[in-house]
C-alpha atoms as a PDB file:
ATOM      1  CA  UNK A   1     229.570  -4.406  82.462  1.00  0.00           C
ATOM      2  CA  UNK A   2     227.987  -1.272  83.943  1.00  0.00           C
ATOM      3  CA  UNK A   3     225.367   0.967  82.345  1.00  0.00           C
ATOM      4  CA  UNK A   4     224.635   4.214  84.175  1.00  0.00           C
ATOM      5  CA  UNK A   5     221.089   5.287  83.329  1.00  0.00           C
ATOM      6  CA  UNK A   6     221.227   8.700  85.010  1.00  0.00           C
ATOM      7  CA  UNK A   7     224.043  11.019  83.905  1.00  0.00           C
ATOM      8  CA  UNK A   8     224.029  14.764  83.109  1.00  0.00           C
ATOM      9  CA  UNK A   9     225.803  17.481  81.208  1.00  0.00           C
ATOM     10  CA  UNK A  10     225.126  21.231  81.184  1.00  0.00           C
ATOM     11  CA  UNK A  11     225.508  24.458  83.141  1.00  0.00           C
ATOM     12  CA  UNK A  12     222.539  25.503  85.251  1.00  0.00           C
ATOM     13  CA  UNK A  13     221.605  26.237  88.866  1.00  0.00           C
ATOM     14  CA  UNK A  14     225.214  26.468  89.993  1.00  0.00           C
ATOM     15  CA  UNK A  15     226.250  23.189  88.375  1.00  0.00           C
ATOM     16  CA  UNK A  16     228.818  22.823  85.613  1.00  0.00           C
ATOM     17  CA  UNK A  17     228.710  19.255  84.361  1.00  0.00           C
ATOM     18  CA  UNK A  18     231.036  18.742  81.430  1.00  0.00           C
ATOM     19  CA  UNK A  19     231.243  16.154  78.698  1.00  0.00           C
ATOM     20  CA  UNK A  20     234.938  15.795  79.493  1.00  0.00           C
ATOM     21  CA  UNK A  21     234.164  14.824  83.091  1.00  0.00           C
ATOM     22  CA  UNK A  22     231.594  12.279  81.962  1.00  0.00           C
ATOM     23  CA  UNK A  23     234.036  10.602  79.585  1.00  0.00           C
ATOM     24  CA  UNK A  24     236.894  10.725  82.098  1.00  0.00           C
ATOM     25  CA  UNK A  25     234.783   9.141  84.827  1.00  0.00           C
ATOM     26  CA  UNK A  26     233.485   6.434  82.533  1.00  0.00           C
ATOM     27  CA  UNK A  27     237.019   5.452  81.586  1.00  0.00           C
ATOM     28  CA  UNK A  28     238.397   5.750  85.126  1.00  0.00           C
ATOM     29  CA  UNK A  29     235.603   3.775  86.832  1.00  0.00           C
ATOM     30  CA  UNK A  30     234.822   1.325  84.029  1.00  0.00           C
ATOM     31  CA  UNK A  31     231.335   2.500  83.083  1.00  0.00           C
ATOM     32  CA  UNK A  32     230.524   1.001  79.690  1.00  0.00           C
ATOM     33  CA  UNK A  33     227.566   3.150  78.634  1.00  0.00           C
ATOM     34  CA  UNK A  34     225.792   6.224  80.021  1.00  0.00           C
ATOM     35  CA  UNK A  35     222.342   7.643  79.351  1.00  0.00           C
ATOM     36  CA  UNK A  36     222.757  11.414  79.451  1.00  0.00           C
ATOM     37  CA  UNK A  37     220.370  14.378  79.717  1.00  0.00           C
ATOM     38  CA  UNK A  38     221.078  18.116  79.765  1.00  0.00           C
ATOM     39  CA  UNK A  39     220.257  20.022  82.969  1.00  0.00           C
ATOM     40  CA  UNK A  40     219.903  23.227  80.948  1.00  0.00           C
ATOM     41  CA  UNK A  41     216.263  22.244  80.373  1.00  0.00           C
ATOM     42  CA  UNK A  42     215.473  23.037  84.040  1.00  0.00           C
ATOM     43  CA  UNK A  43     212.627  25.569  84.373  1.00  0.00           C
ATOM     44  CA  UNK A  44     212.452  26.209  88.155  1.00  0.00           C
ATOM     45  CA  UNK A  45     215.280  26.602  90.652  1.00  0.00           C
ATOM     46  CA  UNK A  46     215.863  24.630  93.853  1.00  0.00           C
ATOM     47  CA  UNK A  47     213.545  26.940  95.819  1.00  0.00           C
ATOM     48  CA  UNK A  48     210.660  26.502  93.386  1.00  0.00           C
ATOM     49  CA  UNK A  49     211.089  29.863  91.673  1.00  0.00           C
ATOM     50  CA  UNK A  50     210.875  30.041  87.908  1.00  0.00           C
ATOM     51  CA  UNK A  51     214.275  30.659  86.339  1.00  0.00           C
ATOM     52  CA  UNK A  52     214.391  34.139  84.718  1.00  0.00           C
ATOM     53  CA  UNK A  53     213.758  34.090  80.983  1.00  0.00           C
ATOM     54  CA  UNK A  54     217.250  35.351  80.155  1.00  0.00           C
ATOM     55  CA  UNK A  55     218.714  32.227  81.766  1.00  0.00           C
ATOM     56  CA  UNK A  56     216.285  29.743  80.263  1.00  0.00           C
ATOM     57  CA  UNK A  57     217.517  27.464  77.471  1.00  0.00           C
ATOM     58  CA  UNK A  58     214.982  26.146  74.964  1.00  0.00           C
ATOM     59  CA  UNK A  59     214.454  22.412  74.917  1.00  0.00           C
ATOM     60  CA  UNK A  60     215.607  22.350  71.289  1.00  0.00           C
ATOM     61  CA  UNK A  61     218.957  23.955  72.120  1.00  0.00           C
ATOM     62  CA  UNK A  62     219.383  21.918  75.292  1.00  0.00           C
ATOM     63  CA  UNK A  63     218.710  18.632  73.549  1.00  0.00           C
ATOM     64  CA  UNK A  64     220.829  19.471  70.523  1.00  0.00           C
ATOM     65  CA  UNK A  65     223.815  19.583  72.862  1.00  0.00           C
ATOM     66  CA  UNK A  66     223.223  16.159  74.344  1.00  0.00           C
ATOM     67  CA  UNK A  67     222.477  14.686  70.922  1.00  0.00           C
ATOM     68  CA  UNK A  68     225.762  15.999  69.582  1.00  0.00           C
ATOM     69  CA  UNK A  69     227.534  14.412  72.560  1.00  0.00           C
ATOM     70  CA  UNK A  70     225.870  11.088  71.745  1.00  0.00           C
ATOM     71  CA  UNK A  71     226.531  11.438  68.022  1.00  0.00           C
ATOM     72  CA  UNK A  72     230.258  11.875  68.615  1.00  0.00           C
ATOM     73  CA  UNK A  73     230.399   9.021  71.180  1.00  0.00           C
ATOM     74  CA  UNK A  74     227.656   6.559  70.115  1.00  0.00           C
ATOM     75  CA  UNK A  75     229.458   3.580  71.635  1.00  0.00           C
ATOM     76  CA  UNK A  76     229.538   5.244  75.081  1.00  0.00           C
ATOM     77  CA  UNK A  77     226.734   7.812  75.257  1.00  0.00           C
ATOM     78  CA  UNK A  78     222.982   7.583  74.709  1.00  0.00           C
ATOM     79  CA  UNK A  79     220.720  10.632  74.833  1.00  0.00           C
ATOM     80  CA  UNK A  80     217.659  11.193  76.986  1.00  0.00           C
ATOM     81  CA  UNK A  81     215.477  14.028  75.663  1.00  0.00           C
ATOM     82  CA  UNK A  82     214.742  16.403  78.593  1.00  0.00           C
ATOM     83  CA  UNK A  83     211.243  17.854  78.173  1.00  0.00           C
ATOM     84  CA  UNK A  84     210.418  21.352  79.423  1.00  0.00           C
ATOM     85  CA  UNK A  85     206.945  20.292  80.449  1.00  0.00           C
ATOM     86  CA  UNK A  86     205.910  23.564  82.121  1.00  0.00           C
ATOM     87  CA  UNK A  87     206.650  26.068  79.363  1.00  0.00           C
ATOM     88  CA  UNK A  88     207.023  24.050  76.167  1.00  0.00           C
ATOM     89  CA  UNK A  89     205.438  21.118  74.389  1.00  0.00           C
ATOM     90  CA  UNK A  90     206.410  18.503  71.778  1.00  0.00           C
ATOM     91  CA  UNK A  91     206.115  20.808  68.769  1.00  0.00           C
ATOM     92  CA  UNK A  92     207.090  20.022  65.193  1.00  0.00           C
ATOM     93  CA  UNK A  93     210.678  21.156  65.767  1.00  0.00           C
ATOM     94  CA  UNK A  94     211.164  18.748  68.649  1.00  0.00           C
ATOM     95  CA  UNK A  95     209.499  15.930  66.735  1.00  0.00           C
ATOM     96  CA  UNK A  96     211.804  16.596  63.781  1.00  0.00           C
ATOM     97  CA  UNK A  97     214.790  16.578  66.137  1.00  0.00           C
ATOM     98  CA  UNK A  98     213.733  13.174  67.463  1.00  0.00           C
ATOM     99  CA  UNK A  99     213.071  11.705  64.030  1.00  0.00           C
ATOM    100  CA  UNK A 100     216.399  12.927  62.668  1.00  0.00           C
ATOM    101  CA  UNK A 101     218.345  11.549  65.646  1.00  0.00           C
ATOM    102  CA  UNK A 102     216.310   8.525  66.703  1.00  0.00           C
ATOM    103  CA  UNK A 103     219.313   6.189  66.672  1.00  0.00           C
ATOM    104  CA  UNK A 104     220.949   8.203  69.481  1.00  0.00           C
ATOM    105  CA  UNK A 105     217.829   8.636  71.650  1.00  0.00           C
ATOM    106  CA  UNK A 106     216.935   6.097  74.338  1.00  0.00           C
ATOM    107  CA  UNK A 107     214.172   7.789  76.340  1.00  0.00           C
ATOM    108  CA  UNK A 108     212.382  10.902  77.566  1.00  0.00           C
ATOM    109  CA  UNK A 109     213.566  12.677  80.721  1.00  0.00           C
ATOM    110  CA  UNK A 110     211.108  14.691  82.826  1.00  0.00           C
ATOM    111  CA  UNK A 111     211.828  16.556  86.048  1.00  0.00           C
ATOM    112  CA  UNK A 112     208.725  17.398  88.115  1.00  0.00           C
ATOM    113  CA  UNK A 113     210.872  19.193  90.708  1.00  0.00           C
ATOM    114  CA  UNK A 114     212.409  21.564  88.151  1.00  0.00           C
ATOM    115  CA  UNK A 115     209.288  21.864  85.978  1.00  0.00           C
ATOM    116  CA  UNK A 116     206.502  21.803  88.598  1.00  0.00           C
ATOM    117  CA  UNK A 117     204.381  19.456  86.482  1.00  0.00           C
ATOM    118  CA  UNK A 118     203.477  16.062  87.956  1.00  0.00           C
ATOM    119  CA  UNK A 119     203.822  12.965  85.751  1.00  0.00           C
ATOM    120  CA  UNK A 120     200.062  12.347  86.000  1.00  0.00           C
ATOM    121  CA  UNK A 121     199.119  15.934  85.096  1.00  0.00           C
ATOM    122  CA  UNK A 122     196.919  16.204  81.995  1.00  0.00           C
ATOM    123  CA  UNK A 123     199.643  18.336  80.382  1.00  0.00           C
ATOM    124  CA  UNK A 124     201.793  15.214  80.172  1.00  0.00           C
ATOM    125  CA  UNK A 125     199.438  13.363  77.827  1.00  0.00           C
ATOM    126  CA  UNK A 126     200.925  15.029  74.737  1.00  0.00           C
ATOM    127  CA  UNK A 127     204.343  13.812  75.839  1.00  0.00           C
ATOM    128  CA  UNK A 128     203.162  10.268  76.432  1.00  0.00           C
ATOM    129  CA  UNK A 129     201.662  10.144  72.940  1.00  0.00           C
ATOM    130  CA  UNK A 130     205.139  10.991  71.690  1.00  0.00           C
ATOM    131  CA  UNK A 131     206.665   8.230  73.834  1.00  0.00           C
ATOM    132  CA  UNK A 132     204.230   5.649  72.520  1.00  0.00           C
ATOM    133  CA  UNK A 133     204.838   6.679  68.916  1.00  0.00           C
ATOM    134  CA  UNK A 134     208.628   6.492  69.199  1.00  0.00           C
ATOM    135  CA  UNK A 135     208.802   3.706  71.807  1.00  0.00           C
ATOM    136  CA  UNK A 136     210.564   5.826  74.433  1.00  0.00           C
ATOM    137  CA  UNK A 137     210.730   4.932  78.153  1.00  0.00           C
ATOM    138  CA  UNK A 138     210.091   7.799  80.592  1.00  0.00           C
ATOM    139  CA  UNK A 139     212.754   8.631  83.185  1.00  0.00           C
ATOM    140  CA  UNK A 140     211.616  10.957  85.966  1.00  0.00           C
ATOM    141  CA  UNK A 141     213.065  12.547  89.079  1.00  0.00           C
ATOM    142  CA  UNK A 142     211.034  11.680  92.162  1.00  0.00           C
ATOM    143  CA  UNK A 143     211.091  13.418  95.551  1.00  0.00           C
ATOM    144  CA  UNK A 144     211.391  16.908  96.976  1.00  0.00           C
ATOM    145  CA  UNK A 145     207.965  18.383  96.231  1.00  0.00           C
ATOM    146  CA  UNK A 146     204.364  17.293  95.741  1.00  0.00           C
ATOM    147  CA  UNK A 147     204.608  17.164  91.940  1.00  0.00           C
ATOM    148  CA  UNK A 148     207.599  14.845  92.153  1.00  0.00           C
ATOM    149  CA  UNK A 149     206.250  12.244  94.592  1.00  0.00           C
ATOM    150  CA  UNK A 150     206.496   8.685  93.319  1.00  0.00           C
ATOM    151  CA  UNK A 151     202.732   8.138  93.511  1.00  0.00           C
ATOM    152  CA  UNK A 152     202.334  10.446  90.508  1.00  0.00           C
ATOM    153  CA  UNK A 153     204.725   8.275  88.511  1.00  0.00           C
ATOM    154  CA  UNK A 154     202.709   5.244  89.537  1.00  0.00           C
ATOM    155  CA  UNK A 155     199.500   6.906  88.338  1.00  0.00           C
ATOM    156  CA  UNK A 156     201.063   7.754  84.980  1.00  0.00           C
ATOM    157  CA  UNK A 157     202.472   4.251  84.554  1.00  0.00           C
ATOM    158  CA  UNK A 158     199.104   2.705  85.387  1.00  0.00           C
ATOM    159  CA  UNK A 159     197.384   4.834  82.765  1.00  0.00           C
ATOM    160  CA  UNK A 160     200.030   4.069  80.123  1.00  0.00           C
ATOM    161  CA  UNK A 161     200.892   0.357  80.365  1.00  0.00           C
ATOM    162  CA  UNK A 162     202.743   0.366  77.037  1.00  0.00           C
ATOM    163  CA  UNK A 163     205.379   2.810  78.324  1.00  0.00           C
ATOM    164  CA  UNK A 164     208.150   1.924  80.784  1.00  0.00           C
ATOM    165  CA  UNK A 165     208.522   4.431  83.647  1.00  0.00           C
ATOM    166  CA  UNK A 166     211.659   4.755  85.809  1.00  0.00           C
ATOM    167  CA  UNK A 167     211.436   6.441  89.224  1.00  0.00           C
ATOM    168  CA  UNK A 168     214.794   8.159  89.607  1.00  0.00           C
ATOM    169  CA  UNK A 169     215.863   8.557  93.271  1.00  0.00           C
ATOM    170  CA  UNK A 170     212.874   6.548  94.577  1.00  0.00           C
ATOM    171  CA  UNK A 171     211.642   9.702  96.414  1.00  0.00           C
ATOM    172  CA  UNK A 172     214.851  11.616  97.023  1.00  0.00           C
ATOM    173  CA  UNK A 173     215.630  12.333 100.671  1.00  0.00           C
ATOM    174  CA  UNK A 174     213.195   9.746 102.007  1.00  0.00           C
ATOM    175  CA  UNK A 175     213.584   6.213 103.313  1.00  0.00           C
ATOM    176  CA  UNK A 176     212.364   5.053  99.856  1.00  0.00           C
ATOM    177  CA  UNK A 177     209.679   2.821 101.376  1.00  0.00           C
ATOM    178  CA  UNK A 178     206.762   4.372  99.476  1.00  0.00           C
ATOM    179  CA  UNK A 179     208.556   4.033  96.143  1.00  0.00           C
ATOM    180  CA  UNK A 180     209.664   0.476  96.913  1.00  0.00           C
ATOM    181  CA  UNK A 181     206.070  -0.453  97.755  1.00  0.00           C
ATOM    182  CA  UNK A 182     204.870   0.883  94.397  1.00  0.00           C
ATOM    183  CA  UNK A 183     207.430  -1.027  92.339  1.00  0.00           C
ATOM    184  CA  UNK A 184     205.651  -4.344  92.527  1.00  0.00           C
ATOM    185  CA  UNK A 185     202.201  -3.017  91.655  1.00  0.00           C
ATOM    186  CA  UNK A 186     202.830  -2.473  87.944  1.00  0.00           C
ATOM    187  CA  UNK A 187     204.951  -4.397  85.437  1.00  0.00           C
ATOM    188  CA  UNK A 188     206.048  -1.208  83.644  1.00  0.00           C
ATOM    189  CA  UNK A 189     207.285   0.688  86.733  1.00  0.00           C
ATOM    190  CA  UNK A 190     210.950   0.637  87.764  1.00  0.00           C
ATOM    191  CA  UNK A 191     213.342   2.340  90.173  1.00  0.00           C
ATOM    192  CA  UNK A 192     216.915   3.558  89.941  1.00  0.00           C
ATOM    193  CA  UNK A 193     219.722   3.734  92.476  1.00  0.00           C
ATOM    194  CA  UNK A 194     220.605   7.455  92.274  1.00  0.00           C
ATOM    195  CA  UNK A 195     221.312   8.479  95.908  1.00  0.00           C
ATOM    196  CA  UNK A 196     219.365   5.397  97.015  1.00  0.00           C
ATOM    197  CA  UNK A 197     220.972   3.357  99.782  1.00  0.00           C
ATOM    198  CA  UNK A 198     222.025  -0.190  99.033  1.00  0.00           C
ATOM    199  CA  UNK A 199     219.698  -1.237 101.863  1.00  0.00           C
ATOM    200  CA  UNK A 200     216.700   0.173  99.987  1.00  0.00           C
ATOM    201  CA  UNK A 201     217.827  -1.493  96.774  1.00  0.00           C
ATOM    202  CA  UNK A 202     218.209  -4.817  98.569  1.00  0.00           C
ATOM    203  CA  UNK A 203     214.714  -4.356 100.019  1.00  0.00           C
ATOM    204  CA  UNK A 204     213.322  -3.790  96.526  1.00  0.00           C
ATOM    205  CA  UNK A 205     215.098  -6.881  95.221  1.00  0.00           C
ATOM    206  CA  UNK A 206     213.829  -8.993  98.103  1.00  0.00           C
ATOM    207  CA  UNK A 207     210.226  -7.826  97.614  1.00  0.00           C
ATOM    208  CA  UNK A 208     209.948  -7.694  93.846  1.00  0.00           C
ATOM    209  CA  UNK A 209     213.039  -9.228  92.261  1.00  0.00           C
ATOM    210  CA  UNK A 210     216.152  -7.757  90.695  1.00  0.00           C
ATOM    211  CA  UNK A 211     214.387  -6.946  87.405  1.00  0.00           C
ATOM    212  CA  UNK A 212     212.850  -3.801  88.962  1.00  0.00           C
ATOM    213  CA  UNK A 213     215.973  -1.712  89.704  1.00  0.00           C
ATOM    214  CA  UNK A 214     218.506   0.037  87.455  1.00  0.00           C
ATOM    215  CA  UNK A 215     221.870   1.571  88.270  1.00  0.00           C
ATOM    216  CA  UNK A 216     221.944   5.379  88.119  1.00  0.00           C
ATOM    217  CA  UNK A 217     224.213   7.953  89.748  1.00  0.00           C
ATOM    218  CA  UNK A 218     223.736  11.651  88.765  1.00  0.00           C
ATOM    219  CA  UNK A 219     227.355  11.552  87.535  1.00  0.00           C
ATOM    220  CA  UNK A 220     229.259  13.940  87.454  1.00  0.00           C
ATOM    221  CA  UNK A 221     227.275  15.986  89.996  1.00  0.00           C
ATOM    222  CA  UNK A 222     230.087  15.744  92.572  1.00  0.00           C
ATOM    223  CA  UNK A 223     232.827  16.245  90.002  1.00  0.00           C
ATOM    224  CA  UNK A 224     234.741  13.920  87.742  1.00  0.00           C
ATOM    225  CA  UNK A 225     235.263  11.439  90.602  1.00  0.00           C
ATOM    226  CA  UNK A 226     231.608  11.250  91.655  1.00  0.00           C
ATOM    227  CA  UNK A 227     231.847   7.446  91.550  1.00  0.00           C
ATOM    228  CA  UNK A 228     234.679   7.533  94.100  1.00  0.00           C
ATOM    229  CA  UNK A 229     233.898  10.331  96.540  1.00  0.00           C
ATOM    230  CA  UNK A 230     231.631  13.302  97.227  1.00  0.00           C
ATOM    231  CA  UNK A 231     232.706  16.945  97.190  1.00  0.00           C
ATOM    232  CA  UNK A 232     234.075  16.733 100.745  1.00  0.00           C
ATOM    233  CA  UNK A 233     236.152  13.677  99.947  1.00  0.00           C
ATOM    234  CA  UNK A 234     233.990  11.113 101.722  1.00  0.00           C
ATOM    235  CA  UNK A 235     233.575   7.719 100.069  1.00  0.00           C
ATOM    236  CA  UNK A 236     230.849   7.725  97.451  1.00  0.00           C
ATOM    237  CA  UNK A 237     227.669   5.722  97.874  1.00  0.00           C
ATOM    238  CA  UNK A 238     228.413   4.199  94.483  1.00  0.00           C
ATOM    239  CA  UNK A 239     231.494   2.459  95.815  1.00  0.00           C
ATOM    240  CA  UNK A 240     229.025   0.387  97.836  1.00  0.00           C
ATOM    241  CA  UNK A 241     227.239  -0.564  94.622  1.00  0.00           C
ATOM    242  CA  UNK A 242     230.498  -1.514  92.933  1.00  0.00           C
ATOM    243  CA  UNK A 243     231.797  -3.513  95.899  1.00  0.00           C
ATOM    244  CA  UNK A 244     229.565  -4.371  98.879  1.00  0.00           C
ATOM    245  CA  UNK A 245     226.377  -4.929  96.865  1.00  0.00           C
ATOM    246  CA  UNK A 246     228.186  -7.198  94.452  1.00  0.00           C
ATOM    247  CA  UNK A 247     229.340  -9.314  97.378  1.00  0.00           C
ATOM    248  CA  UNK A 248     225.849  -9.947  98.780  1.00  0.00           C
ATOM    249  CA  UNK A 249     223.805 -10.535  95.617  1.00  0.00           C
ATOM    250  CA  UNK A 250     223.761 -13.497  93.288  1.00  0.00           C
ATOM    251  CA  UNK A 251     225.590 -12.779  90.042  1.00  0.00           C
ATOM    252  CA  UNK A 252     222.399 -12.699  87.969  1.00  0.00           C
ATOM    253  CA  UNK A 253     220.713 -10.262  90.346  1.00  0.00           C
ATOM    254  CA  UNK A 254     223.729  -7.970  90.427  1.00  0.00           C
ATOM    255  CA  UNK A 255     224.033  -7.998  86.646  1.00  0.00           C
ATOM    256  CA  UNK A 256     220.331  -7.197  86.278  1.00  0.00           C
ATOM    257  CA  UNK A 257     220.730  -4.046  88.357  1.00  0.00           C
ATOM    258  CA  UNK A 258     224.034  -2.902  86.883  1.00  0.00           C
ATOM    259  CA  UNK A 259     223.278  -3.389  83.191  1.00  0.00           C
ATOM    260  CA  UNK A 260     220.867  -6.087  82.029  1.00  0.00           C
ATOM    261  CA  UNK A 261     217.683  -4.252  83.012  1.00  0.00           C
ATOM    262  CA  UNK A 262     218.926  -1.099  81.303  1.00  0.00           C
ATOM    263  CA  UNK A 263     219.676  -2.987  78.101  1.00  0.00           C
ATOM    264  CA  UNK A 264     216.192  -4.492  78.119  1.00  0.00           C
ATOM    265  CA  UNK A 265     214.173  -1.402  79.058  1.00  0.00           C
ATOM    266  CA  UNK A 266     216.084   1.099  76.896  1.00  0.00           C
ATOM    267  CA  UNK A 267     216.801  -1.386  74.106  1.00  0.00           C
ATOM    268  CA  UNK A 268     220.558  -0.899  74.192  1.00  0.00           C
ATOM    269  CA  UNK A 269     222.159  -3.291  71.752  1.00  0.00           C
ATOM    270  CA  UNK A 270     225.382  -5.168  72.471  1.00  0.00           C
ATOM    271  CA  UNK A 271     226.623  -3.971  69.100  1.00  0.00           C
ATOM    272  CA  UNK A 272     226.399  -0.344  70.274  1.00  0.00           C
ATOM    273  CA  UNK A 273     228.537  -0.606  73.382  1.00  0.00           C
ATOM    274  CA  UNK A 274     232.326  -0.450  73.192  1.00  0.00           C
ATOM    275  CA  UNK A 275     233.528  -2.483  76.156  1.00  0.00           C
ATOM    276  CA  UNK A 276     235.650  -0.426  78.552  1.00  0.00           C
ATOM    277  CA  UNK A 277     239.089  -1.905  79.105  1.00  0.00           C
END
C-alpha cells in the first residue's frame, strides 16, 4: 500500500494540475490514497510578490473544489484545507465548510512561502484553535524563505503539543540536515519525502526511527507521470522510493514511511481506502 500525503490540484503560478492527472497517476503507479490540496489558495508568487487581486481565489472557492474532488472519490482522495493565512482567516463560512464536509477532510495545509506568514507567527493561533477543535494535523511547506524555515514549524509544534505538524520538503533545496535534527526533538513533529533524497530519509530513520517520515511527492507537478520521470524525461526521485529504498529498509520501516504513519497521523481508516489493483 502507498499513501501520498502531498498531492495538488488547481491552476496557479503557471501550473495546471488536474484531477484527471491525479487519478491517472494513482492508477498507473499503484497509489492507494492521496491527500490533496488546491494550489489556487496561493497568495504570493515565486518571487515573493503578492498575486494581483484579479487572480486571487478565495479560500472558500479553492477548498470547495478539492472537497468536491474528495466527495466524488472518497475511497481514493482526502482533502487538505489550504488556508490563506496572509489575507484571510477561519471565518464562519470556512468553519461551516469544514463542519459540513468533515468526513472528507484530513488536515490543514499552510504554505509560508506562498503566504509569507511563518507557522509560529501570532496570526496562526486562530488557525491552530481550529485544528485543535476539529482534530486536524497541520501540513506545511518548508524551505525557500525565512518564513518557511523548518525552525518555525518546530516552534509551532512545541507550543501546540496536541496537534501533529508535518514539515513538507524538510527545507526545500537544502541538505535537509536542520529539519532532520529537529524531528527527534518533539513527538508531534514529522517530515515528508517531497523532493527529499532517499539519503536524507534514511538519515532521519537512523536517527529517530521510521515513525517520523511520511511519503509525499507534489504529484502531479511534473505531469501525469511525475512518479516516473521529471519534465525532461529523467528518472523521478520517487522511483528510488518505490524501488531502492524498499530494498534497503526492513519491511516494517518501509511500510511506516509509505503508508502506516499517514494512516495513524491523519486517521485514515482501512474501510475508506479502495485497494488499487
